[in-house]
Protein backbone atom coordinates (compact mmCIF):
# COMPACT_ATOMS: atom_id res chain seq x y z
CA UNK A 1 129.86 91.57 117.25
CA UNK A 2 130.77 87.94 117.80
CA UNK A 3 127.60 85.87 118.09
CA UNK A 4 125.89 87.32 115.31
CA UNK A 5 125.06 85.09 112.19
CA UNK A 6 125.55 87.68 109.13
CA UNK A 7 128.66 89.24 111.54
CA UNK A 8 129.82 85.41 110.82
CA UNK A 9 128.78 85.41 107.49
CA UNK A 10 130.42 89.16 106.95
CA UNK A 11 133.84 87.62 108.65
CA UNK A 12 134.22 84.06 106.27
CA UNK A 13 133.38 81.97 109.11
CA UNK A 14 129.93 80.56 107.77
CA UNK A 15 130.16 80.54 103.85
CA UNK A 16 127.50 82.08 101.74
CA UNK A 17 126.52 82.87 98.34
CA UNK A 18 128.33 85.97 97.79
CA UNK A 19 126.13 88.30 95.01
CA UNK A 20 127.88 91.52 95.79
CA UNK A 21 130.55 93.03 98.07
CA UNK A 22 132.13 96.23 98.44
CA UNK A 23 133.65 98.31 101.33
CA UNK A 24 130.62 99.01 103.59
CA UNK A 25 127.92 96.06 102.92
CA UNK A 26 127.90 92.54 101.52
CA UNK A 27 125.06 90.74 99.84
CA UNK A 28 124.31 87.27 99.13
CA UNK A 29 121.48 84.47 98.64
CA UNK A 30 118.92 83.69 101.13
CA UNK A 31 119.21 80.22 101.83
CA UNK A 32 115.11 80.37 102.54
CA UNK A 33 114.04 82.05 99.48
CA UNK A 34 110.56 83.76 99.40
CA UNK A 35 111.12 84.71 95.30
CA UNK A 36 113.11 83.65 92.93
CA UNK A 37 115.20 86.30 93.52
CA UNK A 38 115.97 87.22 96.79
CA UNK A 39 118.93 88.69 97.70
CA UNK A 40 119.95 90.01 101.60
CA UNK A 41 121.93 92.77 101.73
CA UNK A 42 124.19 93.79 105.40
CA UNK A 43 126.15 96.58 106.18
CA UNK A 44 129.03 95.45 107.38
CA UNK A 45 128.92 97.12 110.11
CA UNK A 46 127.40 95.56 112.84
CA UNK A 47 123.86 97.44 113.24
CA UNK A 48 120.50 96.33 115.02
CA UNK A 49 118.62 97.28 112.44
CA UNK A 50 116.25 100.04 111.59
CA UNK A 51 115.96 101.30 114.94
CA UNK A 52 119.75 101.01 115.76
CA UNK A 53 121.00 103.50 113.61
CA UNK A 54 122.61 105.66 115.79
CA UNK A 55 126.22 104.52 115.09
CA UNK A 56 125.54 104.08 111.62
CA UNK A 57 126.80 106.69 109.12
CA UNK A 58 124.92 108.06 106.35
CA UNK A 59 127.36 106.54 103.65
CA UNK A 60 126.66 103.05 104.74
CA UNK A 61 122.51 103.63 104.37
CA UNK A 62 123.15 105.07 100.74
CA UNK A 63 126.02 102.36 100.14
CA UNK A 64 122.69 99.78 100.93
CA UNK A 65 120.68 101.59 98.64
CA UNK A 66 123.08 101.76 95.80
CA UNK A 67 124.23 98.06 96.32
CA UNK A 68 120.14 97.33 96.27
CA UNK A 69 120.07 98.58 92.89
CA UNK A 70 123.15 97.37 91.51
CA UNK A 71 121.80 93.52 92.53
CA UNK A 72 118.42 94.18 90.75
CA UNK A 73 120.04 95.14 87.96
CA UNK A 74 123.07 92.38 87.86
CA UNK A 75 119.77 89.59 88.94
CA UNK A 76 117.98 90.63 85.89
CA UNK A 77 114.81 92.09 88.20
CA UNK A 78 115.48 95.80 87.58
CA UNK A 79 112.76 96.48 84.47
CA UNK A 80 109.98 94.16 85.73
CA UNK A 81 109.83 95.27 89.63
CA UNK A 82 111.87 94.36 92.69
CA UNK A 83 111.01 94.80 96.51
CA UNK A 84 113.53 96.12 99.44
CA UNK A 85 112.17 94.69 102.66
CA UNK A 86 113.61 95.23 106.15
CA UNK A 87 111.96 94.14 109.26
CA UNK A 88 112.14 95.44 112.30
CA UNK A 89 111.55 93.52 115.68
CA UNK A 90 110.14 90.75 116.51
CA UNK A 91 106.76 91.62 114.96
CA UNK A 92 107.82 92.30 111.60
CA UNK A 93 109.53 88.50 111.96
CA UNK A 94 113.60 90.10 112.33
CA UNK A 95 114.96 86.82 113.26
CA UNK A 96 118.28 87.90 112.65
CA UNK A 97 119.70 90.97 114.72
CA UNK A 98 121.55 92.72 112.31
CA UNK A 99 120.08 95.02 110.05
CA UNK A 100 119.69 93.88 106.61
CA UNK A 101 117.33 93.93 103.45
CA UNK A 102 115.40 91.46 101.32
CA UNK A 103 115.84 91.98 97.90
CA UNK A 104 112.98 90.42 96.54
CA UNK A 105 111.76 89.65 92.54
CA UNK A 106 111.67 87.49 89.62
CA UNK A 107 107.78 87.15 89.63
CA UNK A 108 104.56 88.71 90.43
CA UNK A 109 104.83 89.16 94.40
CA UNK A 110 101.96 89.55 96.64
CA UNK A 111 99.97 92.93 97.05
CA UNK A 112 98.78 91.20 100.54
CA UNK A 113 100.38 93.28 103.47
CA UNK A 114 99.20 90.58 106.42
């Protein structure tokens, strides 16, 4: 999608701090980190979010989850724990309409959901 921020990052039109890449996903550091480790995982195929998976193959979704584990290990948070989050829609504060997962860790995260 031509106006999608994450599609532009995937295409190399906007720079990012790449952490991981394979044929299906790209992962890069969040520009506004909410934890010491805050990495975004985005499928290279444009999907609007968790509510727009009709065109996604199971291989793409599995690649996102596998990347989360690899990144947590690479970032040193797999043992202590990390959070994997995907915001879906405006009430969940999804700011970019491209499916993405946040890998958060490196400190004790809050157990509050408000």
